[in-house]
PDB file of N, CA and C in Angstrom:
ATOM      1  N   MET A   1      14.195 -30.251 -29.015  1.00  0.00           N
ATOM      2  CA  MET A   1      13.338 -30.774 -30.053  1.00  0.00           C
ATOM      3  C   MET A   1      14.148 -31.256 -31.246  1.00  0.00           C
ATOM      4  N   ASN A   2      15.387 -30.848 -31.301  1.00  0.00           N
ATOM      5  CA  ASN A   2      16.207 -31.239 -32.441  1.00  0.00           C
ATOM      6  C   ASN A   2      16.495 -32.730 -32.491  1.00  0.00           C
ATOM      7  N   ILE A   3      16.416 -33.411 -31.361  1.00  0.00           N
ATOM      8  CA  ILE A   3      16.614 -34.862 -31.387  1.00  0.00           C
ATOM      9  C   ILE A   3      15.544 -35.535 -32.242  1.00  0.00           C
ATOM     10  N   PHE A   4      14.310 -35.051 -32.152  1.00  0.00           N
ATOM     11  CA  PHE A   4      13.249 -35.591 -32.998  1.00  0.00           C
ATOM     12  C   PHE A   4      13.503 -35.251 -34.459  1.00  0.00           C
ATOM     13  N   ARG A   5      13.890 -34.027 -34.708  1.00  0.00           N
ATOM     14  CA  ARG A   5      14.143 -33.594 -36.088  1.00  0.00           C
ATOM     15  C   ARG A   5      15.298 -34.358 -36.721  1.00  0.00           C
ATOM     16  N   ALA A   6      16.298 -34.691 -35.924  1.00  0.00           N
ATOM     17  CA  ALA A   6      17.431 -35.474 -36.439  1.00  0.00           C
ATOM     18  C   ALA A   6      16.976 -36.863 -36.895  1.00  0.00           C
ATOM     19  N   LEU A   7      15.861 -37.329 -36.338  1.00  0.00           N
ATOM     20  CA  LEU A   7      15.310 -38.632 -36.715  1.00  0.00           C
ATOM     21  C   LEU A   7      14.194 -38.512 -37.755  1.00  0.00           C
ATOM     22  N   GLY A   8      14.034 -37.304 -38.309  1.00  0.00           N
ATOM     23  CA  GLY A   8      13.033 -37.099 -39.350  1.00  0.00           C
ATOM     24  C   GLY A   8      11.627 -36.860 -38.834  1.00  0.00           C
ATOM     25  N   ILE A   9      11.475 -36.507 -37.576  1.00  0.00           N
ATOM     26  CA  ILE A   9      10.159 -36.261 -36.980  1.00  0.00           C
ATOM     27  C   ILE A   9      10.037 -34.775 -36.658  1.00  0.00           C
ATOM     28  N   GLU A  10       8.985 -34.152 -37.129  1.00  0.00           N
ATOM     29  CA  GLU A  10       8.738 -32.746 -36.801  1.00  0.00           C
ATOM     30  C   GLU A  10       7.814 -32.706 -35.584  1.00  0.00           C
ATOM     31  N   PRO A  11       8.364 -32.402 -34.390  1.00  0.00           N
ATOM     32  CA  PRO A  11       7.563 -32.478 -33.167  1.00  0.00           C
ATOM     33  C   PRO A  11       6.397 -31.497 -33.129  1.00  0.00           C
ATOM     34  N   LEU A  12       6.488 -30.377 -33.791  1.00  0.00           N
ATOM     35  CA  LEU A  12       5.397 -29.406 -33.752  1.00  0.00           C
ATOM     36  C   LEU A  12       4.166 -29.874 -34.532  1.00  0.00           C
ATOM     37  N   GLN A  13       4.320 -30.923 -35.326  1.00  0.00           N
ATOM     38  CA  GLN A  13       3.190 -31.475 -36.071  1.00  0.00           C
ATOM     39  C   GLN A  13       2.535 -32.648 -35.339  1.00  0.00           C
ATOM     40  N   LYS A  14       3.046 -32.983 -34.187  1.00  0.00           N
ATOM     41  CA  LYS A  14       2.506 -34.113 -33.421  1.00  0.00           C
ATOM     42  C   LYS A  14       1.550 -33.641 -32.341  1.00  0.00           C
ATOM     43  N   ARG A  15       0.553 -34.437 -32.069  1.00  0.00           N
ATOM     44  CA  ARG A  15      -0.434 -34.116 -31.028  1.00  0.00           C
ATOM     45  C   ARG A  15       0.123 -34.386 -29.638  1.00  0.00           C
ATOM     46  N   VAL A  16       0.917 -35.442 -29.497  1.00  0.00           N
ATOM     47  CA  VAL A  16       1.496 -35.828 -28.212  1.00  0.00           C
ATOM     48  C   VAL A  16       2.972 -36.143 -28.412  1.00  0.00           C
ATOM     49  N   ILE A  17       3.781 -35.657 -27.495  1.00  0.00           N
ATOM     50  CA  ILE A  17       5.202 -35.999 -27.460  1.00  0.00           C
ATOM     51  C   ILE A  17       5.489 -36.524 -26.066  1.00  0.00           C
ATOM     52  N   ALA A  18       6.071 -37.700 -25.965  1.00  0.00           N
ATOM     53  CA  ALA A  18       6.408 -38.294 -24.672  1.00  0.00           C
ATOM     54  C   ALA A  18       7.916 -38.289 -24.500  1.00  0.00           C
ATOM     55  N   LEU A  19       8.344 -37.828 -23.349  1.00  0.00           N
ATOM     56  CA  LEU A  19       9.767 -37.770 -23.035  1.00  0.00           C
ATOM     57  C   LEU A  19      10.049 -38.559 -21.778  1.00  0.00           C
ATOM     58  N   LYS A  20      11.221 -39.133 -21.704  1.00  0.00           N
ATOM     59  CA  LYS A  20      11.637 -39.838 -20.495  1.00  0.00           C
ATOM     60  C   LYS A  20      12.619 -38.930 -19.757  1.00  0.00           C
ATOM     61  N   SER A  21      12.081 -37.887 -19.173  1.00  0.00           N
ATOM     62  CA  SER A  21      12.906 -36.911 -18.474  1.00  0.00           C
ATOM     63  C   SER A  21      12.055 -36.149 -17.479  1.00  0.00           C
ATOM     64  N   MET A  22      12.611 -35.877 -16.331  1.00  0.00           N
ATOM     65  CA  MET A  22      11.922 -35.036 -15.357  1.00  0.00           C
ATOM     66  C   MET A  22      12.581 -33.661 -15.285  1.00  0.00           C
ATOM     67  N   GLN A  23      13.670 -33.496 -15.992  1.00  0.00           N
ATOM     68  CA  GLN A  23      14.419 -32.252 -15.914  1.00  0.00           C
ATOM     69  C   GLN A  23      14.853 -31.829 -17.312  1.00  0.00           C
ATOM     70  N   HIS A  24      15.151 -30.585 -17.442  1.00  0.00           N
ATOM     71  CA  HIS A  24      15.760 -30.015 -18.644  1.00  0.00           C
ATOM     72  C   HIS A  24      14.925 -30.143 -19.908  1.00  0.00           C
ATOM     73  N   PHE A  25      13.639 -30.235 -19.804  1.00  0.00           N
ATOM     74  CA  PHE A  25      12.815 -30.287 -21.004  1.00  0.00           C
ATOM     75  C   PHE A  25      11.934 -29.060 -21.140  1.00  0.00           C
ATOM     76  N   ARG A  26      11.653 -28.412 -20.044  1.00  0.00           N
ATOM     77  CA  ARG A  26      10.704 -27.288 -20.069  1.00  0.00           C
ATOM     78  C   ARG A  26      11.158 -26.132 -20.949  1.00  0.00           C
ATOM     79  N   ALA A  27      12.427 -25.819 -20.952  1.00  0.00           N
ATOM     80  CA  ALA A  27      12.905 -24.681 -21.741  1.00  0.00           C
ATOM     81  C   ALA A  27      12.573 -24.855 -23.218  1.00  0.00           C
ATOM     82  N   ALA A  28      12.678 -26.059 -23.720  1.00  0.00           N
ATOM     83  CA  ALA A  28      12.409 -26.307 -25.140  1.00  0.00           C
ATOM     84  C   ALA A  28      10.933 -26.536 -25.426  1.00  0.00           C
ATOM     85  N   TYR A  29      10.234 -27.229 -24.524  1.00  0.00           N
ATOM     86  CA  TYR A  29       8.874 -27.672 -24.830  1.00  0.00           C
ATOM     87  C   TYR A  29       7.771 -26.785 -24.261  1.00  0.00           C
ATOM     88  N   ALA A  30       7.999 -26.129 -23.140  1.00  0.00           N
ATOM     89  CA  ALA A  30       6.947 -25.308 -22.523  1.00  0.00           C
ATOM     90  C   ALA A  30       6.414 -24.212 -23.454  1.00  0.00           C
ATOM     91  N   PRO A  31       7.259 -23.538 -24.222  1.00  0.00           N
ATOM     92  CA  PRO A  31       6.727 -22.481 -25.091  1.00  0.00           C
ATOM     93  C   PRO A  31       5.762 -22.979 -26.173  1.00  0.00           C
ATOM     94  N   VAL A  32       5.851 -24.238 -26.550  1.00  0.00           N
ATOM     95  CA  VAL A  32       5.002 -24.742 -27.635  1.00  0.00           C
ATOM     96  C   VAL A  32       3.975 -25.769 -27.158  1.00  0.00           C
ATOM     97  N   ALA A  33       4.050 -26.148 -25.874  1.00  0.00           N
ATOM     98  CA  ALA A  33       3.148 -27.173 -25.345  1.00  0.00           C
ATOM     99  C   ALA A  33       1.821 -26.558 -24.920  1.00  0.00           C
ATOM    100  N   GLY A  34       0.741 -27.210 -25.286  1.00  0.00           N
ATOM    101  CA  GLY A  34      -0.562 -26.807 -24.781  1.00  0.00           C
ATOM    102  C   GLY A  34      -0.725 -27.238 -23.338  1.00  0.00           C
ATOM    103  N   ARG A  35      -0.060 -28.335 -22.979  1.00  0.00           N
ATOM    104  CA  ARG A  35      -0.149 -28.893 -21.624  1.00  0.00           C
ATOM    105  C   ARG A  35       1.050 -29.793 -21.387  1.00  0.00           C
ATOM    106  N   ILE A  36       1.553 -29.785 -20.180  1.00  0.00           N
ATOM    107  CA  ILE A  36       2.623 -30.704 -19.777  1.00  0.00           C
ATOM    108  C   ILE A  36       2.074 -31.571 -18.660  1.00  0.00           C
ATOM    109  N   ALA A  37       2.126 -32.878 -18.843  1.00  0.00           N
ATOM    110  CA  ALA A  37       1.642 -33.823 -17.833  1.00  0.00           C
ATOM    111  C   ALA A  37       2.834 -34.614 -17.308  1.00  0.00           C
ATOM    112  N   LEU A  38       3.106 -34.476 -16.028  1.00  0.00           N
ATOM    113  CA  LEU A  38       4.184 -35.236 -15.404  1.00  0.00           C
ATOM    114  C   LEU A  38       3.614 -36.547 -14.886  1.00  0.00           C
ATOM    115  N   VAL A  39       4.223 -37.647 -15.237  1.00  0.00           N
ATOM    116  CA  VAL A  39       3.774 -38.953 -14.787  1.00  0.00           C
ATOM    117  C   VAL A  39       4.926 -39.674 -14.104  1.00  0.00           C
ATOM    118  N   ASP A  40       4.592 -40.594 -13.229  1.00  0.00           N
ATOM    119  CA  ASP A  40       5.590 -41.381 -12.520  1.00  0.00           C
ATOM    120  C   ASP A  40       5.569 -42.784 -13.077  1.00  0.00           C
ATOM    121  N   GLY A  41       6.612 -43.129 -13.772  1.00  0.00           N
ATOM    122  CA  GLY A  41       6.711 -44.453 -14.359  1.00  0.00           C
ATOM    123  C   GLY A  41       7.243 -45.497 -13.403  1.00  0.00           C
ATOM    124  N   ALA A  42       7.393 -45.116 -12.141  1.00  0.00           N
ATOM    125  CA  ALA A  42       7.929 -45.986 -11.095  1.00  0.00           C
ATOM    126  C   ALA A  42       9.373 -46.356 -11.401  1.00  0.00           C
ATOM    127  N   GLY A  43       9.860 -47.382 -10.769  1.00  0.00           N
ATOM    128  CA  GLY A  43      11.240 -47.795 -10.973  1.00  0.00           C
ATOM    129  C   GLY A  43      12.161 -47.245  -9.901  1.00  0.00           C
ATOM    130  N   LEU A  44      13.439 -47.336 -10.140  1.00  0.00           N
ATOM    131  CA  LEU A  44      14.435 -46.938  -9.156  1.00  0.00           C
ATOM    132  C   LEU A  44      14.477 -45.437  -8.901  1.00  0.00           C
ATOM    133  N   ALA A  45      14.073 -44.655  -9.866  1.00  0.00           N
ATOM    134  CA  ALA A  45      14.202 -43.202  -9.734  1.00  0.00           C
ATOM    135  C   ALA A  45      12.864 -42.503  -9.525  1.00  0.00           C
ATOM    136  N   SER A  46      11.928 -43.161  -8.918  1.00  0.00           N
ATOM    137  CA  SER A  46      10.626 -42.551  -8.692  1.00  0.00           C
ATOM    138  C   SER A  46      10.771 -41.348  -7.766  1.00  0.00           C
ATOM    139  N   PRO A  47      10.188 -40.208  -8.137  1.00  0.00           N
ATOM    140  CA  PRO A  47      10.257 -39.041  -7.257  1.00  0.00           C
ATOM    141  C   PRO A  47       9.307 -39.144  -6.062  1.00  0.00           C
ATOM    142  N   SER A  48       8.429 -40.125  -6.070  1.00  0.00           N
ATOM    143  CA  SER A  48       7.455 -40.301  -4.999  1.00  0.00           C
ATOM    144  C   SER A  48       7.912 -41.424  -4.075  1.00  0.00           C
ATOM    145  N   LEU A  49       8.381 -41.068  -2.890  1.00  0.00           N
ATOM    146  CA  LEU A  49       8.869 -42.084  -1.954  1.00  0.00           C
ATOM    147  C   LEU A  49       7.770 -43.017  -1.485  1.00  0.00           C
ATOM    148  N   ASP A  50       6.522 -42.579  -1.563  1.00  0.00           N
ATOM    149  CA  ASP A  50       5.405 -43.429  -1.170  1.00  0.00           C
ATOM    150  C   ASP A  50       5.265 -44.658  -2.060  1.00  0.00           C
ATOM    151  N   ARG A  51       5.789 -44.606  -3.273  1.00  0.00           N
ATOM    152  CA  ARG A  51       5.679 -45.734  -4.210  1.00  0.00           C
ATOM    153  C   ARG A  51       6.785 -46.760  -4.017  1.00  0.00           C
ATOM    154  N   LEU A  52       7.826 -46.409  -3.284  1.00  0.00           N
ATOM    155  CA  LEU A  52       8.958 -47.316  -3.106  1.00  0.00           C
ATOM    156  C   LEU A  52       8.715 -48.237  -1.920  1.00  0.00           C
ATOM    157  N   GLN A  53       9.155 -49.481  -2.045  1.00  0.00           N
ATOM    158  CA  GLN A  53       9.029 -50.428  -0.954  1.00  0.00           C
ATOM    159  C   GLN A  53      10.330 -50.411  -0.161  1.00  0.00           C
ATOM    160  N   PHE A  54      10.228 -50.092   1.109  1.00  0.00           N
ATOM    161  CA  PHE A  54      11.399 -50.028   1.960  1.00  0.00           C
ATOM    162  C   PHE A  54      11.503 -51.297   2.786  1.00  0.00           C
ATOM    163  N   ALA A  55      12.715 -51.779   2.951  1.00  0.00           N
ATOM    164  CA  ALA A  55      12.957 -52.962   3.772  1.00  0.00           C
ATOM    165  C   ALA A  55      14.141 -52.669   4.691  1.00  0.00           C
ATOM    166  N   ARG A  56      14.105 -53.251   5.859  1.00  0.00           N
ATOM    167  CA  ARG A  56      15.187 -53.112   6.840  1.00  0.00           C
ATOM    168  C   ARG A  56      15.434 -51.662   7.240  1.00  0.00           C
ATOM    169  N   ILE A  57      14.362 -50.925   7.468  1.00  0.00           N
ATOM    170  CA  ILE A  57      14.477 -49.539   7.913  1.00  0.00           C
ATOM    171  C   ILE A  57      14.565 -49.540   9.433  1.00  0.00           C
ATOM    172  N   PRO A  58      15.586 -48.894   9.991  1.00  0.00           N
ATOM    173  CA  PRO A  58      15.659 -48.816  11.444  1.00  0.00           C
ATOM    174  C   PRO A  58      14.440 -48.084  12.001  1.00  0.00           C
ATOM    175  N   ARG A  59      13.948 -48.517  13.124  1.00  0.00           N
ATOM    176  CA  ARG A  59      12.793 -47.889  13.751  1.00  0.00           C
ATOM    177  C   ARG A  59      13.262 -47.052  14.926  1.00  0.00           C
ATOM    178  N   PRO A  60      12.655 -45.941  15.241  1.00  0.00           N
ATOM    179  CA  PRO A  60      11.514 -45.343  14.553  1.00  0.00           C
ATOM    180  C   PRO A  60      11.938 -44.748  13.223  1.00  0.00           C
ATOM    181  N   SER A  61      11.021 -44.751  12.307  1.00  0.00           N
ATOM    182  CA  SER A  61      11.286 -44.259  10.961  1.00  0.00           C
ATOM    183  C   SER A  61      10.388 -43.066  10.667  1.00  0.00           C
ATOM    184  N   THR A  62      10.850 -42.211   9.803  1.00  0.00           N
ATOM    185  CA  THR A  62      10.030 -41.080   9.365  1.00  0.00           C
ATOM    186  C   THR A  62       9.477 -41.338   7.976  1.00  0.00           C
ATOM    187  N   LYS A  63       9.531 -42.608   7.508  1.00  0.00           N
ATOM    188  CA  LYS A  63       9.014 -42.959   6.186  1.00  0.00           C
ATOM    189  C   LYS A  63       7.556 -42.530   6.069  1.00  0.00           C
ATOM    190  N   GLY A  64       7.254 -41.819   5.019  1.00  0.00           N
ATOM    191  CA  GLY A  64       5.889 -41.387   4.783  1.00  0.00           C
ATOM    192  C   GLY A  64       5.506 -40.139   5.549  1.00  0.00           C
ATOM    193  N   ARG A  65       6.366 -39.676   6.425  1.00  0.00           N
ATOM    194  CA  ARG A  65       6.082 -38.482   7.217  1.00  0.00           C
ATOM    195  C   ARG A  65       6.560 -37.258   6.452  1.00  0.00           C
ATOM    196  N   ARG A  66       5.710 -36.304   6.278  1.00  0.00           N
ATOM    197  CA  ARG A  66       6.078 -35.090   5.572  1.00  0.00           C
ATOM    198  C   ARG A  66       6.528 -34.038   6.578  1.00  0.00           C
ATOM    199  N   GLN A  67       7.621 -33.386   6.266  1.00  0.00           N
ATOM    200  CA  GLN A  67       8.163 -32.365   7.143  1.00  0.00           C
ATOM    201  C   GLN A  67       7.428 -31.057   6.921  1.00  0.00           C
ATOM    202  N   SER A  68       6.978 -30.447   7.988  1.00  0.00           N
ATOM    203  CA  SER A  68       6.273 -29.181   7.841  1.00  0.00           C
ATOM    204  C   SER A  68       7.280 -28.038   7.720  1.00  0.00           C
ATOM    205  N   MET A  69       6.802 -26.899   7.272  1.00  0.00           N
ATOM    206  CA  MET A  69       7.670 -25.741   7.132  1.00  0.00           C
ATOM    207  C   MET A  69       8.231 -25.312   8.487  1.00  0.00           C
ATOM    208  N   ASP A  70       7.490 -25.557   9.566  1.00  0.00           N
ATOM    209  CA  ASP A  70       7.961 -25.189  10.898  1.00  0.00           C
ATOM    210  C   ASP A  70       9.148 -26.042  11.336  1.00  0.00           C
ATOM    211  N   GLU A  71       9.212 -27.289  10.845  1.00  0.00           N
ATOM    212  CA  GLU A  71      10.291 -28.188  11.226  1.00  0.00           C
ATOM    213  C   GLU A  71      11.528 -28.009  10.371  1.00  0.00           C
ATOM    214  N   ALA A  72      11.370 -27.420   9.196  1.00  0.00           N
ATOM    215  CA  ALA A  72      12.496 -27.300   8.252  1.00  0.00           C
ATOM    216  C   ALA A  72      13.567 -26.372   8.771  1.00  0.00           C
TER     217      ALA A  72
END
């Protein structure tokens, strides 16, 4: 939260704080957050493979197939 404070913003006085991070934010923000909403902004680093367009995938492919615990 100190990054906001360094810019003169007190994050605890804000209703919404948006971060561009999927990692390393919970330790600082979870204790003071009423709610954490994870969103997928798409792009190259999308955590959802279903949103990515694949081209030239050798067949047969397992794209979109979820591995069950029995197969792991």
